């Protein structure tokens, strides 16, 4: 993907705090309408990367383009094309929700004639329509989070950057947040979302960007061209079964653990059914045959171990 085709394009990004490297040559691109999950351990450089993207830090080297705007060369124009919500956000507690959104719209130079309509539209999309006249201080944590996101999207930016948006939310509020983020992406917005809650990122992300020690250790779409299957034998020898499976077409990465044999399978559903029929016809006593979807956490931990040279 070229920079011209990308909503977010980063190349060779370096940043250091008082000589201590935080980012060491980070490069990646995000397509319009994608939701990129930004993951990594504490100190990996995630927040530094987002602050550079938002124009709040000036990198030591490298380029950043948001919606076609060079963030380093023209940060003011870039900020007009993005929304950014930090993990610790603030609201004016004595202002109503309506006035919080109006203040954000004014600061983003939304024309006066458009502001009332924008406020109503954002409030409706965030489920805040009945709270517009309530003071921010009287809102729950989840409601405050939605207001904060509203202030970040009131100017309809093509790019939205969120740092730990689900932090402190209860399960219901987290589920509502996932629905909202999927809707924003469906409407054409490009999102970069950082979180330690990998299972929730999986609910709405299309791509994943993994950082460790300021380096990219993995980046790509959250799709699996091959499916992970597992069969459980009622008896026999799991290791022998694994050896026999290796010769089957489309079967790779075979592993046996007791009577459970797992493997990647590149065939379609019909090929999967044919494989099962062959195994049963060969006399295998199969008690269960199931698909096991690999999780983002599995992928992340595997990449982290590989990056650190761990087995």
C-alpha atoms as a PDB file:
ATOM      1  CA  UNK A   1       0.000   0.000   0.000  1.00  0.00           C
ATOM      2  CA  UNK A   2       1.443   3.368  -1.020  1.00  0.00           C
ATOM      3  CA  UNK A   3       1.374   6.457   1.183  1.00  0.00           C
ATOM      4  CA  UNK A   4      -1.032   8.095  -1.257  1.00  0.00           C
ATOM      5  CA  UNK A   5      -3.511   5.229  -0.779  1.00  0.00           C
ATOM      6  CA  UNK A   6      -3.173   5.164   3.019  1.00  0.00           C
ATOM      7  CA  UNK A   7      -5.162   7.064   5.620  1.00  0.00           C
ATOM      8  CA  UNK A   8      -2.151   6.675   7.940  1.00  0.00           C
ATOM      9  CA  UNK A   9       1.380   6.245   6.593  1.00  0.00           C
ATOM     10  CA  UNK A  10       4.452   6.138   8.849  1.00  0.00           C
ATOM     11  CA  UNK A  11       7.994   5.531   7.599  1.00  0.00           C
ATOM     12  CA  UNK A  12      11.259   5.224   9.534  1.00  0.00           C
ATOM     13  CA  UNK A  13       9.946   6.916  12.679  1.00  0.00           C
ATOM     14  CA  UNK A  14      12.537   7.497  15.422  1.00  0.00           C
ATOM     15  CA  UNK A  15      11.967   9.210  18.757  1.00  0.00           C
ATOM     16  CA  UNK A  16      13.994   9.394  21.963  1.00  0.00           C
ATOM     17  CA  UNK A  17      13.402  10.891  25.401  1.00  0.00           C
ATOM     18  CA  UNK A  18      16.600  12.555  26.621  1.00  0.00           C
ATOM     19  CA  UNK A  19      18.667  10.143  24.585  1.00  0.00           C
ATOM     20  CA  UNK A  20      16.662   7.045  25.546  1.00  0.00           C
ATOM     21  CA  UNK A  21      15.118   5.499  22.401  1.00  0.00           C
ATOM     22  CA  UNK A  22      11.343   5.087  22.472  1.00  0.00           C
ATOM     23  CA  UNK A  23      10.744   4.394  18.783  1.00  0.00           C
ATOM     24  CA  UNK A  24      13.377   2.869  16.538  1.00  0.00           C
ATOM     25  CA  UNK A  25      12.419   2.982  12.868  1.00  0.00           C
ATOM     26  CA  UNK A  26       8.674   2.330  13.057  1.00  0.00           C
ATOM     27  CA  UNK A  27       6.966   1.990   9.670  1.00  0.00           C
ATOM     28  CA  UNK A  28       3.387   0.974   8.853  1.00  0.00           C
ATOM     29  CA  UNK A  29       0.341   2.012   6.841  1.00  0.00           C
ATOM     30  CA  UNK A  30      -3.409   1.839   7.491  1.00  0.00           C
ATOM     31  CA  UNK A  31      -6.021   1.753   4.745  1.00  0.00           C
ATOM     32  CA  UNK A  32      -9.083   4.022   4.790  1.00  0.00           C
ATOM     33  CA  UNK A  33     -11.895   2.527   6.854  1.00  0.00           C
ATOM     34  CA  UNK A  34      -9.641   0.091   8.699  1.00  0.00           C
ATOM     35  CA  UNK A  35      -9.400  -0.368  12.464  1.00  0.00           C
ATOM     36  CA  UNK A  36      -5.827  -1.070  13.554  1.00  0.00           C
ATOM     37  CA  UNK A  37      -5.285  -2.547  17.011  1.00  0.00           C
ATOM     38  CA  UNK A  38      -2.063  -1.173  18.497  1.00  0.00           C
ATOM     39  CA  UNK A  39      -0.711  -3.662  21.034  1.00  0.00           C
ATOM     40  CA  UNK A  40       2.455  -4.187  23.012  1.00  0.00           C
ATOM     41  CA  UNK A  41       3.767  -4.412  26.566  1.00  0.00           C
ATOM     42  CA  UNK A  42       4.159  -1.372  28.808  1.00  0.00           C
ATOM     43  CA  UNK A  43       7.047   0.727  27.542  1.00  0.00           C
ATOM     44  CA  UNK A  44       6.779  -0.604  23.989  1.00  0.00           C
ATOM     45  CA  UNK A  45       6.285   2.886  22.543  1.00  0.00           C
ATOM     46  CA  UNK A  46       2.543   2.808  21.856  1.00  0.00           C
ATOM     47  CA  UNK A  47       1.654   6.118  23.505  1.00  0.00           C
ATOM     48  CA  UNK A  48       4.741   7.793  22.050  1.00  0.00           C
ATOM     49  CA  UNK A  49       3.710   6.631  18.579  1.00  0.00           C
ATOM     50  CA  UNK A  50       0.188   8.001  19.023  1.00  0.00           C
ATOM     51  CA  UNK A  51       1.478  11.322  20.331  1.00  0.00           C
ATOM     52  CA  UNK A  52       3.731  11.620  17.287  1.00  0.00           C
ATOM     53  CA  UNK A  53       0.794  10.822  15.018  1.00  0.00           C
ATOM     54  CA  UNK A  54      -1.264  13.492  16.779  1.00  0.00           C
ATOM     55  CA  UNK A  55       1.476  16.076  16.336  1.00  0.00           C
ATOM     56  CA  UNK A  56       2.079  16.389  20.079  1.00  0.00           C
ATOM     57  CA  UNK A  57       5.664  15.124  19.787  1.00  0.00           C
ATOM     58  CA  UNK A  58       8.128  15.900  17.005  1.00  0.00           C
ATOM     59  CA  UNK A  59      10.014  12.785  15.886  1.00  0.00           C
ATOM     60  CA  UNK A  60      13.783  12.774  15.591  1.00  0.00           C
ATOM     61  CA  UNK A  61      13.535  11.217  12.127  1.00  0.00           C
ATOM     62  CA  UNK A  62      10.958   9.719   9.800  1.00  0.00           C
ATOM     63  CA  UNK A  63       7.737  10.804   8.139  1.00  0.00           C
ATOM     64  CA  UNK A  64       4.068  10.720   9.167  1.00  0.00           C
ATOM     65  CA  UNK A  65       1.123  11.281   6.849  1.00  0.00           C
ATOM     66  CA  UNK A  66      -2.485  11.441   8.045  1.00  0.00           C
ATOM     67  CA  UNK A  67      -5.215  11.714   5.399  1.00  0.00           C
ATOM     68  CA  UNK A  68      -2.578  12.949   2.967  1.00  0.00           C
ATOM     69  CA  UNK A  69      -1.211  15.651   5.307  1.00  0.00           C
ATOM     70  CA  UNK A  70       2.413  15.671   6.495  1.00  0.00           C
ATOM     71  CA  UNK A  71       2.067  15.843  10.281  1.00  0.00           C
ATOM     72  CA  UNK A  72       5.595  17.134  10.880  1.00  0.00           C
ATOM     73  CA  UNK A  73       5.522  19.782   8.147  1.00  0.00           C
ATOM     74  CA  UNK A  74       1.944  20.963   8.751  1.00  0.00           C
ATOM     75  CA  UNK A  75       0.714  19.804  12.188  1.00  0.00           C
ATOM     76  CA  UNK A  76      -2.180  22.288  12.316  1.00  0.00           C
ATOM     77  CA  UNK A  77      -3.648  21.010   9.046  1.00  0.00           C
ATOM     78  CA  UNK A  78      -3.108  17.420  10.172  1.00  0.00           C
ATOM     79  CA  UNK A  79      -4.941  17.996  13.468  1.00  0.00           C
ATOM     80  CA  UNK A  80      -7.928  19.288  11.519  1.00  0.00           C
ATOM     81  CA  UNK A  81      -8.078  15.873   9.837  1.00  0.00           C
ATOM     82  CA  UNK A  82      -7.837  13.751  12.980  1.00  0.00           C
ATOM     83  CA  UNK A  83      -9.457  13.080  16.307  1.00  0.00           C
ATOM     84  CA  UNK A  84      -7.305  12.067  19.270  1.00  0.00           C
ATOM     85  CA  UNK A  85      -8.461  10.823  22.653  1.00  0.00           C
ATOM     86  CA  UNK A  86      -5.768  10.152  25.242  1.00  0.00           C
ATOM     87  CA  UNK A  87      -6.172   7.532  27.947  1.00  0.00           C
ATOM     88  CA  UNK A  88      -6.557  10.256  30.597  1.00  0.00           C
ATOM     89  CA  UNK A  89      -9.033  12.690  29.110  1.00  0.00           C
ATOM     90  CA  UNK A  90     -10.718  15.655  30.721  1.00  0.00           C
ATOM     91  CA  UNK A  91     -14.203  17.125  30.546  1.00  0.00           C
ATOM     92  CA  UNK A  92     -15.462  20.372  32.010  1.00  0.00           C
ATOM     93  CA  UNK A  93     -17.645  18.967  34.779  1.00  0.00           C
ATOM     94  CA  UNK A  94     -19.818  22.053  35.143  1.00  0.00           C
ATOM     95  CA  UNK A  95     -20.693  22.119  31.452  1.00  0.00           C
ATOM     96  CA  UNK A  96     -23.620  20.189  30.036  1.00  0.00           C
ATOM     97  CA  UNK A  97     -22.986  17.495  27.458  1.00  0.00           C
ATOM     98  CA  UNK A  98     -24.324  19.864  24.803  1.00  0.00           C
ATOM     99  CA  UNK A  99     -21.891  22.594  25.809  1.00  0.00           C
ATOM    100  CA  UNK A 100     -18.966  20.134  25.961  1.00  0.00           C
ATOM    101  CA  UNK A 101     -19.691  19.126  22.384  1.00  0.00           C
ATOM    102  CA  UNK A 102     -20.280  22.741  21.347  1.00  0.00           C
ATOM    103  CA  UNK A 103     -16.958  23.785  22.871  1.00  0.00           C
ATOM    104  CA  UNK A 104     -15.175  21.005  20.971  1.00  0.00           C
ATOM    105  CA  UNK A 105     -16.904  22.017  17.741  1.00  0.00           C
ATOM    106  CA  UNK A 106     -15.909  25.663  18.213  1.00  0.00           C
ATOM    107  CA  UNK A 107     -12.286  24.725  18.934  1.00  0.00           C
ATOM    108  CA  UNK A 108     -12.277  22.633  15.753  1.00  0.00           C
ATOM    109  CA  UNK A 109     -13.639  25.605  13.763  1.00  0.00           C
ATOM    110  CA  UNK A 110     -16.916  23.949  12.855  1.00  0.00           C
ATOM    111  CA  UNK A 111     -19.049  26.723  11.282  1.00  0.00           C
ATOM    112  CA  UNK A 112     -21.652  28.175  13.640  1.00  0.00           C
ATOM    113  CA  UNK A 113     -24.539  27.255  11.339  1.00  0.00           C
ATOM    114  CA  UNK A 114     -23.472  23.598  11.352  1.00  0.00           C
ATOM    115  CA  UNK A 115     -22.792  23.168  15.065  1.00  0.00           C
ATOM    116  CA  UNK A 116     -26.344  22.395  16.323  1.00  0.00           C
ATOM    117  CA  UNK A 117     -26.824  19.700  13.677  1.00  0.00           C
ATOM    118  CA  UNK A 118     -23.402  18.220  14.346  1.00  0.00           C
ATOM    119  CA  UNK A 119     -24.086  18.069  18.093  1.00  0.00           C
ATOM    120  CA  UNK A 120     -27.436  16.342  17.599  1.00  0.00           C
ATOM    121  CA  UNK A 121     -25.959  13.857  15.108  1.00  0.00           C
ATOM    122  CA  UNK A 122     -22.994  12.966  17.306  1.00  0.00           C
ATOM    123  CA  UNK A 123     -25.203  12.673  20.398  1.00  0.00           C
ATOM    124  CA  UNK A 124     -27.560  10.342  18.532  1.00  0.00           C
ATOM    125  CA  UNK A 125     -24.726   8.143  17.256  1.00  0.00           C
ATOM    126  CA  UNK A 126     -23.259   7.877  20.768  1.00  0.00           C
ATOM    127  CA  UNK A 127     -26.521   7.302  22.607  1.00  0.00           C
ATOM    128  CA  UNK A 128     -26.287  10.672  24.331  1.00  0.00           C
ATOM    129  CA  UNK A 129     -29.489  12.219  22.983  1.00  0.00           C
ATOM    130  CA  UNK A 130     -31.229  12.107  26.346  1.00  0.00           C
ATOM    131  CA  UNK A 131     -28.216  13.453  28.221  1.00  0.00           C
ATOM    132  CA  UNK A 132     -27.465  16.639  26.297  1.00  0.00           C
ATOM    133  CA  UNK A 133     -28.622  18.910  29.121  1.00  0.00           C
ATOM    134  CA  UNK A 134     -27.013  16.930  31.935  1.00  0.00           C
ATOM    135  CA  UNK A 135     -23.780  18.183  33.486  1.00  0.00           C
ATOM    136  CA  UNK A 136     -20.675  16.139  32.736  1.00  0.00           C
ATOM    137  CA  UNK A 137     -20.071  15.704  36.483  1.00  0.00           C
ATOM    138  CA  UNK A 138     -23.326  13.732  36.766  1.00  0.00           C
ATOM    139  CA  UNK A 139     -22.409  11.166  34.103  1.00  0.00           C
ATOM    140  CA  UNK A 140     -21.218   7.610  34.606  1.00  0.00           C
ATOM    141  CA  UNK A 141     -17.734   6.539  33.497  1.00  0.00           C
ATOM    142  CA  UNK A 142     -19.104   5.002  30.301  1.00  0.00           C
ATOM    143  CA  UNK A 143     -21.198   8.079  29.518  1.00  0.00           C
ATOM    144  CA  UNK A 144     -18.204  10.354  30.057  1.00  0.00           C
ATOM    145  CA  UNK A 145     -16.202   8.152  27.710  1.00  0.00           C
ATOM    146  CA  UNK A 146     -18.839   8.541  25.012  1.00  0.00           C
ATOM    147  CA  UNK A 147     -18.877  12.314  25.471  1.00  0.00           C
ATOM    148  CA  UNK A 148     -15.086  12.380  25.169  1.00  0.00           C
ATOM    149  CA  UNK A 149     -15.247  10.380  21.950  1.00  0.00           C
ATOM    150  CA  UNK A 150     -17.913  12.804  20.749  1.00  0.00           C
ATOM    151  CA  UNK A 151     -15.558  15.731  21.280  1.00  0.00           C
ATOM    152  CA  UNK A 152     -12.945  13.870  19.201  1.00  0.00           C
ATOM    153  CA  UNK A 153     -15.255  13.248  16.224  1.00  0.00           C
ATOM    154  CA  UNK A 154     -17.465  16.361  16.235  1.00  0.00           C
ATOM    155  CA  UNK A 155     -15.502  17.798  13.284  1.00  0.00           C
ATOM    156  CA  UNK A 156     -15.886  14.542  11.303  1.00  0.00           C
ATOM    157  CA  UNK A 157     -12.214  13.658  11.004  1.00  0.00           C
ATOM    158  CA  UNK A 158     -11.173  10.906   8.580  1.00  0.00           C
ATOM    159  CA  UNK A 159      -8.716   9.530  11.176  1.00  0.00           C
ATOM    160  CA  UNK A 160      -9.421   8.747  14.851  1.00  0.00           C
ATOM    161  CA  UNK A 161      -6.719   7.757  17.365  1.00  0.00           C
ATOM    162  CA  UNK A 162      -7.821   6.282  20.698  1.00  0.00           C
ATOM    163  CA  UNK A 163      -5.505   5.409  23.590  1.00  0.00           C
ATOM    164  CA  UNK A 164      -7.054   2.806  25.934  1.00  0.00           C
ATOM    165  CA  UNK A 165     -10.673   3.844  25.242  1.00  0.00           C
ATOM    166  CA  UNK A 166     -12.122   0.911  27.217  1.00  0.00           C
ATOM    167  CA  UNK A 167     -10.123   1.575  30.394  1.00  0.00           C
ATOM    168  CA  UNK A 168     -12.404   1.713  33.424  1.00  0.00           C
ATOM    169  CA  UNK A 169     -15.542   0.711  31.530  1.00  0.00           C
ATOM    170  CA  UNK A 170     -17.877  -2.019  32.735  1.00  0.00           C
ATOM    171  CA  UNK A 171     -18.653  -4.975  30.401  1.00  0.00           C
ATOM    172  CA  UNK A 172     -21.856  -3.404  29.060  1.00  0.00           C
ATOM    173  CA  UNK A 173     -20.110  -0.106  28.289  1.00  0.00           C
ATOM    174  CA  UNK A 174     -17.250  -1.973  26.600  1.00  0.00           C
ATOM    175  CA  UNK A 175     -19.698  -3.827  24.373  1.00  0.00           C
ATOM    176  CA  UNK A 176     -21.361  -0.537  23.446  1.00  0.00           C
ATOM    177  CA  UNK A 177     -17.953   0.964  22.652  1.00  0.00           C
ATOM    178  CA  UNK A 178     -17.166  -1.935  20.295  1.00  0.00           C
ATOM    179  CA  UNK A 179     -20.441  -1.351  18.430  1.00  0.00           C
ATOM    180  CA  UNK A 180     -19.648   2.347  18.136  1.00  0.00           C
ATOM    181  CA  UNK A 181     -16.138   1.794  16.781  1.00  0.00           C
ATOM    182  CA  UNK A 182     -17.396  -0.690  14.203  1.00  0.00           C
ATOM    183  CA  UNK A 183     -19.976   1.869  13.090  1.00  0.00           C
ATOM    184  CA  UNK A 184     -17.400   4.651  12.773  1.00  0.00           C
ATOM    185  CA  UNK A 185     -15.249   2.386  10.595  1.00  0.00           C
ATOM    186  CA  UNK A 186     -18.291   1.413   8.509  1.00  0.00           C
ATOM    187  CA  UNK A 187     -18.902   5.123   7.936  1.00  0.00           C
ATOM    188  CA  UNK A 188     -15.395   5.412   6.443  1.00  0.00           C
ATOM    189  CA  UNK A 189     -13.352   6.600   9.413  1.00  0.00           C
ATOM    190  CA  UNK A 190      -9.883   5.087   9.918  1.00  0.00           C
ATOM    191  CA  UNK A 191      -9.129   4.126  13.521  1.00  0.00           C
ATOM    192  CA  UNK A 192      -5.977   3.331  15.453  1.00  0.00           C
ATOM    193  CA  UNK A 193      -6.879   1.917  18.873  1.00  0.00           C
ATOM    194  CA  UNK A 194      -4.482   1.030  21.673  1.00  0.00           C
ATOM    195  CA  UNK A 195      -5.570  -1.346  24.423  1.00  0.00           C
ATOM    196  CA  UNK A 196      -4.323  -4.098  26.702  1.00  0.00           C
ATOM    197  CA  UNK A 197      -7.683  -5.872  26.412  1.00  0.00           C
ATOM    198  CA  UNK A 198      -6.828  -7.974  23.378  1.00  0.00           C
ATOM    199  CA  UNK A 199     -10.060  -9.981  23.310  1.00  0.00           C
ATOM    200  CA  UNK A 200     -12.067  -6.777  22.916  1.00  0.00           C
ATOM    201  CA  UNK A 201      -9.781  -5.382  20.230  1.00  0.00           C
ATOM    202  CA  UNK A 202     -10.488  -8.567  18.322  1.00  0.00           C
ATOM    203  CA  UNK A 203     -14.203  -7.717  18.298  1.00  0.00           C
ATOM    204  CA  UNK A 204     -13.806  -4.697  16.027  1.00  0.00           C
ATOM    205  CA  UNK A 205     -10.267  -4.566  14.603  1.00  0.00           C
ATOM    206  CA  UNK A 206      -9.401  -5.354  10.995  1.00  0.00           C
ATOM    207  CA  UNK A 207      -5.618  -5.143  11.460  1.00  0.00           C
ATOM    208  CA  UNK A 208      -3.050  -5.426  14.230  1.00  0.00           C
ATOM    209  CA  UNK A 209       0.187  -3.500  14.791  1.00  0.00           C
ATOM    210  CA  UNK A 210       2.488  -5.010  17.436  1.00  0.00           C
ATOM    211  CA  UNK A 211       5.275  -3.059  19.095  1.00  0.00           C
ATOM    212  CA  UNK A 212       8.010  -4.157  21.452  1.00  0.00           C
ATOM    213  CA  UNK A 213      10.906  -1.968  22.633  1.00  0.00           C
ATOM    214  CA  UNK A 214      10.048   0.656  20.026  1.00  0.00           C
ATOM    215  CA  UNK A 215      10.125  -1.819  17.131  1.00  0.00           C
ATOM    216  CA  UNK A 216       7.378  -3.260  14.945  1.00  0.00           C
ATOM    217  CA  UNK A 217       7.291  -7.013  15.577  1.00  0.00           C
ATOM    218  CA  UNK A 218       4.136  -7.699  13.611  1.00  0.00           C
ATOM    219  CA  UNK A 219       1.710  -5.884  11.343  1.00  0.00           C
ATOM    220  CA  UNK A 220      -1.049  -7.180   9.126  1.00  0.00           C
ATOM    221  CA  UNK A 221      -4.730  -8.005   8.751  1.00  0.00           C
ATOM    222  CA  UNK A 222      -6.549 -10.033  11.364  1.00  0.00           C
ATOM    223  CA  UNK A 223      -7.432 -12.838   8.984  1.00  0.00           C
ATOM    224  CA  UNK A 224      -6.360 -16.435   8.942  1.00  0.00           C
ATOM    225  CA  UNK A 225      -5.957 -17.966   5.472  1.00  0.00           C
ATOM    226  CA  UNK A 226      -5.712 -21.331   7.198  1.00  0.00           C
ATOM    227  CA  UNK A 227      -8.004 -22.642   9.919  1.00  0.00           C
ATOM    228  CA  UNK A 228      -6.789 -24.406  13.020  1.00  0.00           C
ATOM    229  CA  UNK A 229      -8.565 -27.717  13.464  1.00  0.00           C
ATOM    230  CA  UNK A 230      -8.354 -30.252  16.247  1.00  0.00           C
ATOM    231  CA  UNK A 231      -9.460 -33.839  16.559  1.00  0.00           C
ATOM    232  CA  UNK A 232      -9.778 -35.774  19.796  1.00  0.00           C
ATOM    233  CA  UNK A 233      -9.223 -39.512  19.643  1.00  0.00           C
ATOM    234  CA  UNK A 234     -11.243 -41.915  21.759  1.00  0.00           C
ATOM    235  CA  UNK A 235      -8.151 -44.090  22.041  1.00  0.00           C
ATOM    236  CA  UNK A 236      -4.931 -45.024  20.311  1.00  0.00           C
ATOM    237  CA  UNK A 237      -1.732 -43.067  19.814  1.00  0.00           C
ATOM    238  CA  UNK A 238      -1.939 -39.298  19.268  1.00  0.00           C
ATOM    239  CA  UNK A 239       1.658 -39.038  18.060  1.00  0.00           C
ATOM    240  CA  UNK A 240       1.096 -41.757  15.461  1.00  0.00           C
ATOM    241  CA  UNK A 241      -2.056 -40.004  14.299  1.00  0.00           C
ATOM    242  CA  UNK A 242      -0.130 -36.747  13.942  1.00  0.00           C
ATOM    243  CA  UNK A 243       2.487 -38.490  11.796  1.00  0.00           C
ATOM    244  CA  UNK A 244      -0.232 -39.896   9.553  1.00  0.00           C
ATOM    245  CA  UNK A 245      -1.907 -36.480   9.169  1.00  0.00           C
ATOM    246  CA  UNK A 246       1.251 -34.829   7.843  1.00  0.00           C
ATOM    247  CA  UNK A 247       0.826 -36.465   4.412  1.00  0.00           C
ATOM    248  CA  UNK A 248      -2.729 -35.172   3.970  1.00  0.00           C
ATOM    249  CA  UNK A 249      -3.199 -32.363   1.428  1.00  0.00           C
ATOM    250  CA  UNK A 250      -3.644 -28.917   2.977  1.00  0.00           C
ATOM    251  CA  UNK A 251      -2.481 -30.051   6.429  1.00  0.00           C
ATOM    252  CA  UNK A 252       0.415 -28.206   8.106  1.00  0.00           C
ATOM    253  CA  UNK A 253       1.713 -27.380  11.587  1.00  0.00           C
ATOM    254  CA  UNK A 254       0.552 -30.675  13.107  1.00  0.00           C
ATOM    255  CA  UNK A 255       0.911 -30.977  16.877  1.00  0.00           C
ATOM    256  CA  UNK A 256      -0.140 -33.744  19.264  1.00  0.00           C
ATOM    257  CA  UNK A 257      -0.918 -33.419  22.953  1.00  0.00           C
ATOM    258  CA  UNK A 258      -2.101 -36.672  24.417  1.00  0.00           C
ATOM    259  CA  UNK A 259      -5.077 -37.818  22.378  1.00  0.00           C
ATOM    260  CA  UNK A 260      -5.680 -34.357  20.902  1.00  0.00           C
ATOM    261  CA  UNK A 261      -4.123 -33.605  17.502  1.00  0.00           C
ATOM    262  CA  UNK A 262      -4.294 -30.028  16.184  1.00  0.00           C
ATOM    263  CA  UNK A 263      -3.275 -28.761  12.749  1.00  0.00           C
ATOM    264  CA  UNK A 264      -3.696 -25.931  10.234  1.00  0.00           C
ATOM    265  CA  UNK A 265      -5.917 -26.748   7.285  1.00  0.00           C
ATOM    266  CA  UNK A 266      -5.999 -24.762   4.036  1.00  0.00           C
ATOM    267  CA  UNK A 267      -8.950 -26.577   2.462  1.00  0.00           C
ATOM    268  CA  UNK A 268     -12.561 -25.415   2.319  1.00  0.00           C
ATOM    269  CA  UNK A 269     -15.489 -26.943   4.223  1.00  0.00           C
ATOM    270  CA  UNK A 270     -16.016 -29.658   1.608  1.00  0.00           C
ATOM    271  CA  UNK A 271     -12.347 -30.642   1.800  1.00  0.00           C
ATOM    272  CA  UNK A 272     -12.623 -30.682   5.595  1.00  0.00           C
ATOM    273  CA  UNK A 273     -15.603 -33.039   5.406  1.00  0.00           C
ATOM    274  CA  UNK A 274     -13.713 -35.283   2.966  1.00  0.00           C
ATOM    275  CA  UNK A 275     -10.712 -35.370   5.305  1.00  0.00           C
ATOM    276  CA  UNK A 276     -12.902 -36.430   8.220  1.00  0.00           C
ATOM    277  CA  UNK A 277     -14.501 -39.158   6.103  1.00  0.00           C
ATOM    278  CA  UNK A 278     -11.087 -40.504   5.131  1.00  0.00           C
ATOM    279  CA  UNK A 279      -9.896 -40.584   8.730  1.00  0.00           C
ATOM    280  CA  UNK A 280     -13.022 -42.377   9.935  1.00  0.00           C
ATOM    281  CA  UNK A 281     -12.824 -44.775   6.982  1.00  0.00           C
ATOM    282  CA  UNK A 282      -9.216 -45.545   7.924  1.00  0.00           C
ATOM    283  CA  UNK A 283     -10.425 -46.715  11.309  1.00  0.00           C
ATOM    284  CA  UNK A 284      -9.579 -43.682  13.450  1.00  0.00           C
ATOM    285  CA  UNK A 285     -11.692 -43.575  16.623  1.00  0.00           C
ATOM    286  CA  UNK A 286     -12.525 -39.851  16.539  1.00  0.00           C
ATOM    287  CA  UNK A 287     -14.483 -38.596  19.537  1.00  0.00           C
ATOM    288  CA  UNK A 288     -14.512 -34.914  18.457  1.00  0.00           C
ATOM    289  CA  UNK A 289     -13.497 -32.819  15.440  1.00  0.00           C
ATOM    290  CA  UNK A 290     -13.614 -29.044  15.814  1.00  0.00           C
ATOM    291  CA  UNK A 291     -12.316 -25.729  14.609  1.00  0.00           C
ATOM    292  CA  UNK A 292     -10.177 -23.694  16.983  1.00  0.00           C
ATOM    293  CA  UNK A 293      -9.937 -20.051  16.104  1.00  0.00           C
ATOM    294  CA  UNK A 294      -6.569 -18.573  16.992  1.00  0.00           C
ATOM    295  CA  UNK A 295      -6.868 -15.403  19.071  1.00  0.00           C
ATOM    296  CA  UNK A 296      -5.081 -12.084  18.826  1.00  0.00           C
ATOM    297  CA  UNK A 297      -3.495 -12.908  22.166  1.00  0.00           C
ATOM    298  CA  UNK A 298      -2.049 -16.146  20.763  1.00  0.00           C
ATOM    299  CA  UNK A 299      -0.615 -14.260  17.789  1.00  0.00           C
ATOM    300  CA  UNK A 300       0.710 -11.445  19.967  1.00  0.00           C
ATOM    301  CA  UNK A 301       2.426 -13.725  22.485  1.00  0.00           C
ATOM    302  CA  UNK A 302       3.963 -15.826  19.706  1.00  0.00           C
ATOM    303  CA  UNK A 303       5.373 -12.728  18.003  1.00  0.00           C
ATOM    304  CA  UNK A 304       6.626 -11.360  21.311  1.00  0.00           C
ATOM    305  CA  UNK A 305       8.439 -14.585  22.119  1.00  0.00           C
ATOM    306  CA  UNK A 306       9.967 -14.697  18.653  1.00  0.00           C
ATOM    307  CA  UNK A 307      11.111 -11.060  18.845  1.00  0.00           C
ATOM    308  CA  UNK A 308      12.825 -11.757  22.160  1.00  0.00           C
ATOM    309  CA  UNK A 309      14.386 -14.998  20.999  1.00  0.00           C
ATOM    310  CA  UNK A 310      12.356 -17.085  23.421  1.00  0.00           C
ATOM    311  CA  UNK A 311      11.243 -20.632  22.525  1.00  0.00           C
END
